[in-house]
Structure formats: structure tokens, C-alpha cells
N, C-alpha and C. Protein backbone atom coordinates (compact mmCIF):
# COMPACT_ATOMS: atom_id res chain seq x y z
N MET A 1 103.86 104.41 95.71
CA MET A 1 103.67 104.62 94.29
C MET A 1 103.01 105.98 94.09
N LEU A 2 103.40 106.65 93.06
CA LEU A 2 102.84 107.95 92.74
C LEU A 2 101.78 107.80 91.65
N PHE A 3 100.79 108.69 91.64
CA PHE A 3 99.81 108.70 90.57
C PHE A 3 100.50 108.90 89.22
N ALA A 4 101.57 109.69 89.21
CA ALA A 4 102.29 109.97 87.97
C ALA A 4 102.92 108.72 87.37
N GLU A 5 103.13 107.68 88.16
CA GLU A 5 103.73 106.44 87.67
C GLU A 5 102.71 105.49 87.05
N ILE A 6 101.45 105.89 87.06
CA ILE A 6 100.39 105.04 86.53
C ILE A 6 99.91 105.65 85.21
N PRO A 7 100.11 104.94 84.12
CA PRO A 7 99.67 105.48 82.83
C PRO A 7 98.14 105.44 82.71
N GLY A 8 97.59 106.47 82.08
CA GLY A 8 96.15 106.51 81.84
C GLY A 8 95.35 106.72 83.12
N GLN A 9 94.10 106.33 83.07
CA GLN A 9 93.16 106.42 84.19
C GLN A 9 93.01 107.84 84.73
N GLU A 10 93.18 108.82 83.86
CA GLU A 10 93.12 110.22 84.29
C GLU A 10 91.79 110.58 84.94
N PRO A 11 90.63 110.16 84.37
CA PRO A 11 89.36 110.50 85.02
C PRO A 11 89.24 109.92 86.44
N THR A 12 89.74 108.72 86.63
CA THR A 12 89.68 108.08 87.95
C THR A 12 90.60 108.81 88.93
N LYS A 13 91.80 109.13 88.49
CA LYS A 13 92.72 109.88 89.34
C LYS A 13 92.11 111.21 89.74
N ALA A 14 91.52 111.91 88.78
CA ALA A 14 90.91 113.22 89.06
C ALA A 14 89.78 113.09 90.07
N ARG A 15 88.96 112.06 89.94
CA ARG A 15 87.85 111.84 90.87
C ARG A 15 88.37 111.56 92.28
N LEU A 16 89.41 110.76 92.39
CA LEU A 16 89.99 110.45 93.70
C LEU A 16 90.60 111.69 94.34
N LEU A 17 91.33 112.45 93.56
CA LEU A 17 91.95 113.67 94.08
C LEU A 17 90.89 114.69 94.51
N LYS A 18 89.83 114.78 93.74
CA LYS A 18 88.74 115.70 94.09
C LYS A 18 88.11 115.31 95.42
N SER A 19 87.87 114.02 95.62
CA SER A 19 87.26 113.57 96.88
C SER A 19 88.18 113.86 98.07
N LEU A 20 89.47 113.76 97.85
CA LEU A 20 90.43 114.06 98.92
C LEU A 20 90.48 115.56 99.23
N ARG A 21 90.48 116.38 98.19
CA ARG A 21 90.50 117.83 98.39
C ARG A 21 89.24 118.30 99.13
N GLU A 22 88.11 117.64 98.84
CA GLU A 22 86.84 118.00 99.49
C GLU A 22 86.67 117.30 100.83
N LYS A 23 87.68 116.50 101.22
CA LYS A 23 87.65 115.73 102.47
C LYS A 23 86.40 114.85 102.55
N ARG A 24 86.13 114.19 101.44
CA ARG A 24 84.98 113.29 101.33
C ARG A 24 85.47 111.89 100.98
N ILE A 25 86.18 111.31 101.93
CA ILE A 25 86.73 109.98 101.72
C ILE A 25 85.76 108.96 102.31
N SER A 26 85.28 108.08 101.48
CA SER A 26 84.36 107.03 101.96
C SER A 26 85.12 106.05 102.83
N HIS A 27 84.41 105.44 103.77
CA HIS A 27 85.08 104.49 104.67
C HIS A 27 85.42 103.19 103.95
N ALA A 28 84.74 102.89 102.85
CA ALA A 28 85.03 101.69 102.07
C ALA A 28 84.91 102.05 100.59
N GLN A 29 85.87 101.62 99.81
CA GLN A 29 85.86 101.90 98.38
C GLN A 29 86.25 100.65 97.63
N LEU A 30 85.64 100.46 96.48
CA LEU A 30 85.94 99.31 95.63
C LEU A 30 86.56 99.82 94.34
N PHE A 31 87.75 99.35 94.04
CA PHE A 31 88.44 99.70 92.80
C PHE A 31 88.32 98.49 91.88
N LEU A 32 87.65 98.65 90.77
CA LEU A 32 87.42 97.56 89.85
C LEU A 32 87.98 97.93 88.50
N GLY A 33 88.71 97.04 87.90
CA GLY A 33 89.27 97.33 86.59
C GLY A 33 89.58 96.06 85.83
N GLU A 34 89.72 96.21 84.55
CA GLU A 34 90.08 95.08 83.70
C GLU A 34 91.45 94.55 84.12
N THR A 35 91.68 93.29 83.86
CA THR A 35 92.99 92.70 84.14
C THR A 35 94.06 93.48 83.39
N GLY A 36 95.08 93.88 84.11
CA GLY A 36 96.18 94.63 83.51
C GLY A 36 95.95 96.13 83.46
N ALA A 37 94.81 96.61 83.95
CA ALA A 37 94.51 98.05 83.89
C ALA A 37 95.23 98.84 84.97
N GLY A 38 95.78 98.17 85.96
CA GLY A 38 96.53 98.86 87.00
C GLY A 38 95.71 99.27 88.20
N SER A 39 94.64 98.57 88.49
CA SER A 39 93.81 98.92 89.64
C SER A 39 94.59 98.81 90.95
N LEU A 40 95.41 97.78 91.08
CA LEU A 40 96.21 97.63 92.29
C LEU A 40 97.21 98.78 92.43
N ALA A 41 97.85 99.15 91.35
CA ALA A 41 98.79 100.27 91.38
C ALA A 41 98.07 101.56 91.75
N LEU A 42 96.86 101.74 91.25
CA LEU A 42 96.07 102.93 91.58
C LEU A 42 95.72 102.96 93.07
N VAL A 43 95.39 101.81 93.62
CA VAL A 43 95.08 101.72 95.06
C VAL A 43 96.33 102.06 95.88
N LEU A 44 97.48 101.58 95.46
CA LEU A 44 98.73 101.87 96.18
C LEU A 44 99.05 103.36 96.14
N ALA A 45 98.85 104.00 94.99
CA ALA A 45 99.09 105.44 94.88
C ALA A 45 98.10 106.22 95.73
N TYR A 46 96.86 105.78 95.75
CA TYR A 46 95.82 106.43 96.55
C TYR A 46 96.14 106.31 98.05
N ALA A 47 96.53 105.13 98.47
CA ALA A 47 96.88 104.91 99.89
C ALA A 47 98.05 105.81 100.28
N GLN A 48 99.01 105.94 99.41
CA GLN A 48 100.17 106.79 99.70
C GLN A 48 99.74 108.25 99.78
N TYR A 49 98.88 108.68 98.87
CA TYR A 49 98.43 110.08 98.85
C TYR A 49 97.60 110.42 100.08
N VAL A 50 96.73 109.50 100.48
CA VAL A 50 95.83 109.73 101.62
C VAL A 50 96.61 110.05 102.89
N ASN A 51 97.72 109.39 103.12
CA ASN A 51 98.49 109.58 104.35
C ASN A 51 99.74 110.44 104.17
N CYS A 52 99.92 111.03 102.99
CA CYS A 52 101.09 111.87 102.73
C CYS A 52 101.05 113.12 103.62
N HIS A 53 102.21 113.50 104.16
CA HIS A 53 102.31 114.68 105.03
C HIS A 53 102.45 115.97 104.23
N ASN A 54 102.93 115.88 102.98
CA ASN A 54 103.15 117.07 102.15
C ASN A 54 102.61 116.86 100.74
N PRO A 55 101.31 116.56 100.58
CA PRO A 55 100.80 116.28 99.24
C PRO A 55 100.77 117.54 98.37
N THR A 56 100.98 117.33 97.07
CA THR A 56 100.80 118.40 96.11
C THR A 56 99.35 118.33 95.64
N GLU A 57 98.99 119.16 94.71
CA GLU A 57 97.61 119.16 94.23
C GLU A 57 97.26 117.87 93.51
N ASN A 58 98.25 117.26 92.83
CA ASN A 58 97.96 116.09 92.00
C ASN A 58 98.67 114.81 92.40
N ASP A 59 99.45 114.84 93.48
CA ASP A 59 100.19 113.62 93.84
C ASP A 59 100.75 113.74 95.25
N SER A 60 101.18 112.62 95.78
CA SER A 60 101.86 112.64 97.08
C SER A 60 103.28 113.14 96.85
N CYS A 61 103.93 113.56 97.93
CA CYS A 61 105.29 114.11 97.79
C CYS A 61 106.30 113.02 97.47
N GLY A 62 106.06 111.81 97.97
CA GLY A 62 106.99 110.70 97.72
C GLY A 62 108.22 110.73 98.60
N GLU A 63 108.35 111.75 99.45
CA GLU A 63 109.57 111.90 100.24
C GLU A 63 109.37 111.89 101.75
N CYS A 64 108.17 112.18 102.22
CA CYS A 64 107.95 112.21 103.66
C CYS A 64 108.02 110.78 104.22
N GLN A 65 108.06 110.67 105.54
CA GLN A 65 108.18 109.36 106.17
C GLN A 65 107.02 108.45 105.79
N SER A 66 105.82 108.99 105.76
CA SER A 66 104.66 108.19 105.41
C SER A 66 104.75 107.66 103.98
N CYS A 67 105.14 108.51 103.04
CA CYS A 67 105.28 108.08 101.64
C CYS A 67 106.36 107.01 101.49
N ARG A 68 107.49 107.22 102.15
CA ARG A 68 108.57 106.23 102.06
C ARG A 68 108.13 104.89 102.62
N LYS A 69 107.46 104.91 103.77
CA LYS A 69 107.00 103.65 104.38
C LYS A 69 105.93 102.97 103.53
N THR A 70 105.02 103.76 102.95
CA THR A 70 103.97 103.18 102.11
C THR A 70 104.58 102.57 100.86
N LYS A 71 105.50 103.29 100.23
CA LYS A 71 106.15 102.77 99.03
C LYS A 71 106.94 101.49 99.32
N ALA A 72 107.56 101.43 100.48
CA ALA A 72 108.34 100.24 100.87
C ALA A 72 107.44 99.13 101.41
N LEU A 73 106.11 99.37 101.43
CA LEU A 73 105.13 98.41 101.95
C LEU A 73 105.40 98.10 103.43
N GLU A 74 105.80 99.14 104.18
CA GLU A 74 106.12 98.98 105.60
C GLU A 74 105.31 99.92 106.49
N HIS A 75 104.33 100.60 105.93
CA HIS A 75 103.53 101.53 106.72
C HIS A 75 102.64 100.73 107.67
N PRO A 76 102.71 100.99 108.98
CA PRO A 76 101.95 100.19 109.94
C PRO A 76 100.43 100.40 109.87
N ASP A 77 99.98 101.44 109.17
CA ASP A 77 98.55 101.70 109.06
C ASP A 77 97.98 101.25 107.72
N VAL A 78 98.79 100.60 106.90
CA VAL A 78 98.32 100.06 105.63
C VAL A 78 98.49 98.54 105.70
N TYR A 79 97.39 97.86 105.63
CA TYR A 79 97.37 96.40 105.79
C TYR A 79 96.92 95.77 104.48
N TYR A 80 97.58 94.70 104.08
CA TYR A 80 97.31 94.06 102.79
C TYR A 80 96.72 92.66 102.99
N THR A 81 95.71 92.37 102.20
CA THR A 81 95.13 91.03 102.17
C THR A 81 95.09 90.60 100.71
N TYR A 82 95.48 89.37 100.46
CA TYR A 82 95.57 88.86 99.10
C TYR A 82 95.40 87.35 99.16
N PRO A 83 95.06 86.73 98.02
CA PRO A 83 94.87 85.28 98.01
C PRO A 83 96.17 84.54 98.31
N VAL A 84 96.06 83.49 99.10
CA VAL A 84 97.20 82.65 99.44
C VAL A 84 96.79 81.19 99.29
N ILE A 85 97.79 80.32 99.26
CA ILE A 85 97.52 78.89 99.13
C ILE A 85 97.79 78.20 100.47
N PRO A 86 97.10 77.08 100.72
CA PRO A 86 97.31 76.37 101.98
C PRO A 86 98.73 75.80 102.08
N PHE A 87 99.19 75.68 103.31
CA PHE A 87 100.47 75.04 103.56
C PHE A 87 100.34 73.54 103.39
N LYS A 88 101.45 72.86 103.19
CA LYS A 88 101.43 71.41 103.04
C LYS A 88 100.90 70.73 104.29
N SER A 89 101.07 71.37 105.43
CA SER A 89 100.59 70.79 106.69
C SER A 89 99.07 70.87 106.81
N GLY A 90 98.45 71.65 105.92
CA GLY A 90 97.00 71.82 105.97
C GLY A 90 96.58 72.98 106.85
N THR A 91 97.53 73.66 107.48
CA THR A 91 97.23 74.81 108.33
C THR A 91 96.69 75.93 107.47
N PRO A 92 95.56 76.56 107.86
CA PRO A 92 95.03 77.67 107.07
C PRO A 92 96.01 78.85 107.07
N PRO A 93 96.38 79.33 105.90
CA PRO A 93 97.34 80.42 105.82
C PRO A 93 96.67 81.79 105.97
N LYS A 94 97.48 82.78 106.29
CA LYS A 94 97.05 84.17 106.32
C LYS A 94 97.97 84.95 105.39
N SER A 95 97.53 86.10 104.99
CA SER A 95 98.35 86.93 104.09
C SER A 95 99.72 87.22 104.69
N LEU A 96 99.74 87.47 105.98
CA LEU A 96 101.01 87.80 106.65
C LEU A 96 102.05 86.68 106.50
N ASP A 97 101.60 85.43 106.36
CA ASP A 97 102.51 84.31 106.18
C ASP A 97 103.27 84.41 104.85
N TYR A 98 102.70 85.14 103.90
CA TYR A 98 103.30 85.29 102.57
C TYR A 98 103.77 86.73 102.34
N PHE A 99 103.89 87.52 103.39
CA PHE A 99 104.18 88.94 103.20
C PHE A 99 105.53 89.18 102.54
N LYS A 100 106.53 88.42 102.88
CA LYS A 100 107.86 88.61 102.26
C LYS A 100 107.75 88.43 100.74
N GLU A 101 107.05 87.40 100.31
CA GLU A 101 106.88 87.14 98.89
C GLU A 101 106.02 88.22 98.24
N TRP A 102 104.94 88.63 98.95
CA TRP A 102 104.06 89.67 98.45
C TRP A 102 104.83 90.97 98.22
N LYS A 103 105.63 91.32 99.19
CA LYS A 103 106.40 92.57 99.10
C LYS A 103 107.35 92.52 97.90
N MET A 104 108.05 91.44 97.73
CA MET A 104 109.00 91.32 96.62
C MET A 104 108.27 91.32 95.27
N ALA A 105 107.16 90.59 95.19
CA ALA A 105 106.40 90.53 93.94
C ALA A 105 105.80 91.87 93.58
N LEU A 106 105.24 92.56 94.57
CA LEU A 106 104.59 93.84 94.33
C LEU A 106 105.59 94.93 93.99
N GLN A 107 106.74 94.92 94.63
CA GLN A 107 107.76 95.92 94.31
C GLN A 107 108.34 95.67 92.92
N ALA A 108 108.39 94.42 92.50
CA ALA A 108 108.89 94.10 91.16
C ALA A 108 107.86 94.46 90.09
N ASN A 109 106.57 94.31 90.42
CA ASN A 109 105.51 94.55 89.43
C ASN A 109 104.21 94.99 90.11
N PRO A 110 104.01 96.30 90.31
CA PRO A 110 102.77 96.75 90.94
C PRO A 110 101.54 96.58 90.04
N PHE A 111 101.75 96.14 88.82
CA PHE A 111 100.65 95.89 87.89
C PHE A 111 100.38 94.39 87.76
N MET A 112 100.85 93.61 88.73
CA MET A 112 100.73 92.16 88.63
C MET A 112 99.26 91.72 88.64
N GLU A 113 99.05 90.55 88.08
CA GLU A 113 97.73 89.94 88.00
C GLU A 113 97.73 88.68 88.87
N TYR A 114 96.56 88.10 89.03
CA TYR A 114 96.39 86.90 89.86
C TYR A 114 97.36 85.80 89.45
N ASN A 115 97.44 85.49 88.15
CA ASN A 115 98.32 84.40 87.69
C ASN A 115 99.78 84.70 87.97
N ASP A 116 100.18 85.97 87.87
CA ASP A 116 101.56 86.35 88.20
C ASP A 116 101.84 86.01 89.66
N TRP A 117 100.88 86.35 90.53
CA TRP A 117 101.04 86.10 91.97
C TRP A 117 101.10 84.60 92.25
N MET A 118 100.21 83.83 91.65
CA MET A 118 100.20 82.38 91.88
C MET A 118 101.51 81.75 91.39
N ASN A 119 102.02 82.22 90.27
CA ASN A 119 103.32 81.71 89.78
C ASN A 119 104.44 82.11 90.72
N TYR A 120 104.36 83.32 91.27
CA TYR A 120 105.41 83.80 92.17
C TYR A 120 105.51 82.95 93.43
N ILE A 121 104.36 82.54 93.96
CA ILE A 121 104.38 81.72 95.19
C ILE A 121 104.37 80.22 94.87
N GLU A 122 104.56 79.91 93.59
CA GLU A 122 104.64 78.52 93.13
C GLU A 122 103.44 77.70 93.59
N ALA A 123 102.27 78.20 93.24
CA ALA A 123 101.02 77.55 93.65
C ALA A 123 100.73 76.29 92.86
N GLU A 124 101.38 76.11 91.74
CA GLU A 124 101.14 74.97 90.85
C GLU A 124 99.66 74.94 90.48
N ASN A 125 98.93 73.90 90.85
CA ASN A 125 97.51 73.79 90.49
C ASN A 125 96.58 74.25 91.60
N LYS A 126 97.13 74.77 92.68
CA LYS A 126 96.30 75.20 93.80
C LYS A 126 95.68 76.57 93.51
N GLN A 127 94.48 76.76 94.05
CA GLN A 127 93.79 78.04 93.91
C GLN A 127 94.06 78.90 95.13
N GLY A 128 94.37 80.16 94.92
CA GLY A 128 94.57 81.08 96.03
C GLY A 128 93.24 81.58 96.56
N ASN A 129 93.11 81.64 97.86
CA ASN A 129 91.89 82.11 98.50
C ASN A 129 92.23 83.01 99.68
N ILE A 130 91.22 83.76 100.10
CA ILE A 130 91.33 84.56 101.32
C ILE A 130 90.47 83.84 102.35
N THR A 131 91.08 83.43 103.45
CA THR A 131 90.42 82.55 104.42
C THR A 131 89.59 83.31 105.45
N ALA A 132 88.78 82.55 106.18
CA ALA A 132 87.98 83.11 107.28
C ALA A 132 88.90 83.68 108.36
N ASP A 133 90.01 82.99 108.64
CA ASP A 133 90.96 83.49 109.64
C ASP A 133 91.51 84.85 109.20
N GLU A 134 91.75 85.01 107.92
CA GLU A 134 92.24 86.28 107.40
C GLU A 134 91.18 87.37 107.59
N CYS A 135 89.93 87.05 107.38
CA CYS A 135 88.84 88.02 107.58
C CYS A 135 88.80 88.48 109.03
N ARG A 136 89.02 87.57 109.94
CA ARG A 136 89.05 87.94 111.37
C ARG A 136 90.25 88.83 111.67
N GLU A 137 91.38 88.59 111.01
CA GLU A 137 92.56 89.44 111.16
C GLU A 137 92.27 90.86 110.65
N ILE A 138 91.53 90.95 109.57
CA ILE A 138 91.16 92.26 109.02
C ILE A 138 90.36 93.04 110.05
N ILE A 139 89.37 92.40 110.64
CA ILE A 139 88.52 93.07 111.63
C ILE A 139 89.36 93.51 112.83
N LYS A 140 90.26 92.64 113.27
CA LYS A 140 91.12 92.98 114.41
C LYS A 140 92.02 94.17 114.06
N HIS A 141 92.60 94.15 112.89
CA HIS A 141 93.49 95.24 112.45
C HIS A 141 92.74 96.57 112.36
N LEU A 142 91.55 96.54 111.80
CA LEU A 142 90.79 97.77 111.63
C LEU A 142 90.22 98.32 112.93
N SER A 143 90.18 97.50 113.96
CA SER A 143 89.64 97.97 115.24
C SER A 143 90.70 98.73 116.05
N LEU A 144 91.95 98.67 115.64
CA LEU A 144 93.02 99.38 116.34
C LEU A 144 93.13 100.82 115.87
N MET A 145 93.64 101.68 116.72
CA MET A 145 93.87 103.07 116.36
C MET A 145 95.06 103.15 115.40
N PRO A 146 95.09 104.16 114.53
CA PRO A 146 96.25 104.33 113.65
C PRO A 146 97.52 104.60 114.44
N VAL A 147 98.64 104.11 113.95
CA VAL A 147 99.93 104.34 114.59
C VAL A 147 100.39 105.77 114.34
N TYR A 148 100.24 106.22 113.10
CA TYR A 148 100.61 107.59 112.72
C TYR A 148 99.36 108.42 112.53
N GLU A 149 99.57 109.73 112.34
CA GLU A 149 98.45 110.58 111.95
C GLU A 149 97.94 110.09 110.61
N GLY A 150 96.68 110.24 110.38
CA GLY A 150 96.14 109.86 109.07
C GLY A 150 95.16 108.72 109.19
N TYR A 151 95.06 107.98 108.13
CA TYR A 151 94.05 106.95 108.00
C TYR A 151 94.63 105.55 108.14
N LYS A 152 93.80 104.66 108.63
CA LYS A 152 94.09 103.23 108.64
C LYS A 152 93.51 102.69 107.34
N ILE A 153 94.30 101.99 106.57
CA ILE A 153 93.89 101.52 105.25
C ILE A 153 94.01 100.01 105.15
N GLN A 154 92.96 99.38 104.69
CA GLN A 154 92.95 97.94 104.45
C GLN A 154 92.79 97.73 102.95
N ILE A 155 93.77 97.11 102.33
CA ILE A 155 93.70 96.81 100.90
C ILE A 155 93.41 95.32 100.76
N ILE A 156 92.29 95.01 100.16
CA ILE A 156 91.94 93.61 99.89
C ILE A 156 92.05 93.43 98.38
N TRP A 157 93.12 92.77 97.97
CA TRP A 157 93.34 92.54 96.55
C TRP A 157 92.61 91.28 96.13
N LEU A 158 91.83 91.38 95.09
CA LEU A 158 91.03 90.28 94.55
C LEU A 158 89.99 89.78 95.58
N PRO A 159 89.08 90.65 96.00
CA PRO A 159 88.07 90.24 96.98
C PRO A 159 87.17 89.11 96.48
N GLU A 160 87.13 88.88 95.18
CA GLU A 160 86.35 87.77 94.66
C GLU A 160 86.89 86.42 95.13
N ARG A 161 88.10 86.41 95.68
CA ARG A 161 88.70 85.19 96.22
C ARG A 161 88.30 84.95 97.68
N LEU A 162 87.39 85.76 98.20
CA LEU A 162 86.90 85.57 99.57
C LEU A 162 85.92 84.41 99.67
N GLY A 163 85.09 84.22 98.67
CA GLY A 163 84.06 83.19 98.76
C GLY A 163 83.08 83.51 99.87
N LYS A 164 82.55 82.49 100.51
CA LYS A 164 81.57 82.68 101.60
C LYS A 164 82.18 83.37 102.81
N GLU A 165 83.50 83.29 102.94
CA GLU A 165 84.18 83.90 104.08
C GLU A 165 83.99 85.41 104.10
N GLY A 166 83.67 86.00 102.96
CA GLY A 166 83.46 87.43 102.87
C GLY A 166 82.31 87.91 103.73
N ASN A 167 81.38 87.02 104.07
CA ASN A 167 80.25 87.41 104.94
C ASN A 167 80.73 87.91 106.29
N ILE A 168 81.87 87.45 106.73
CA ILE A 168 82.44 87.88 108.02
C ILE A 168 82.71 89.39 108.00
N LEU A 169 83.02 89.93 106.81
CA LEU A 169 83.39 91.33 106.69
C LEU A 169 82.21 92.26 106.41
N LEU A 170 81.03 91.73 106.20
CA LEU A 170 79.92 92.57 105.78
C LEU A 170 79.63 93.71 106.75
N LYS A 171 79.58 93.44 108.02
CA LYS A 171 79.24 94.49 108.99
C LYS A 171 80.25 95.63 108.96
N ILE A 172 81.53 95.31 108.89
CA ILE A 172 82.55 96.37 108.90
C ILE A 172 82.55 97.16 107.59
N LEU A 173 82.11 96.52 106.50
CA LEU A 173 82.04 97.23 105.23
C LEU A 173 80.80 98.13 105.16
N GLU A 174 79.72 97.68 105.78
CA GLU A 174 78.47 98.44 105.72
C GLU A 174 78.46 99.63 106.66
N GLU A 175 79.14 99.50 107.79
CA GLU A 175 79.11 100.56 108.81
C GLU A 175 80.52 101.05 109.08
N PRO A 176 80.75 102.37 108.98
CA PRO A 176 82.11 102.88 109.24
C PRO A 176 82.50 102.75 110.69
């Protein structure tokens, strides 16, 4: 996703671009916005820009291998975590178990909200959560070296769905 595809949020885009130009990228960042404001889309554009091989002053090129892979949600150094519902068998799910659905839903609507996602995966009355097993997967993923040049990026969509399991991630968030 390109910054140009996101309406509004000009001050936030400018702040992000400035931090990148100054090579002052924090190891952990929290993007918070009102429902429907496009925070997820902004994170996707930022992730694409961070690893772009030919960035312009205000946006990623959108054409290099890294941009194409990020846009297609196939970049091996960008990992996604999002709320999921338990399987009927009771087995704790991980985000990767729902990746096909996530990819289709996100490509159809990068401005989607929690309820859109729950409807997409037909959650009915179930609440989506991010499990402890998923938190351990995050730590394992972030401990690996990047596949390509650039940054390893972990996107946790709706971290408020972590609950107590979020404590597992505290050390990695506090220390780069």
C-alpha cells in the first residue's frame, strides 16, 4: 500500500517520513486511531516504505520486489498477527491458520475493522483473541535474521485482543 492511497493523516505521514529520512526508526511503534481512520492501512504503507529499495521522498516506489511482495502480503520479513477464533476441536489457533482469509480480507479492504474481520471469518458470537501460542510465535519470528535487506516487521493488529497473554511480549517490546 502506498501513503498516497490513504486519505488524510498528513501530519502522521509527514512524521513517519521524517523519522525514516533521519534514520530514527524506533524498534517498537504503536499506531492508534479511531475506528475507520485507516491505522492498519497506514501501518501497511509504512511497512512497505521501510523496506522499499527505491523510495521517493514521500512514498515507496511500489514497483521493486520488496514493494510487490509487501503489497501482496507475501514479504517474508513482514509478519502479521491478528485476532482469531478457536477451532471447533478446541485447538488454540494461530494467525497463520487464518492467513488465507486474512490476505483476502485485507486485500479487499485495507481499512477493515474488527467486526468486518469477525464477519469475514464467520465468527458468529465468538470473540477473536490473540493467543499465548501466537505470542511465542512472534518472539520466534523476531529472533530470526531478515531474509532480505532491510527490516523485520511485526504487525500486531488490535493488540487490545491480547489480554493477559500480552505479558509474554513485554520483554521484546521494552528492549530492542
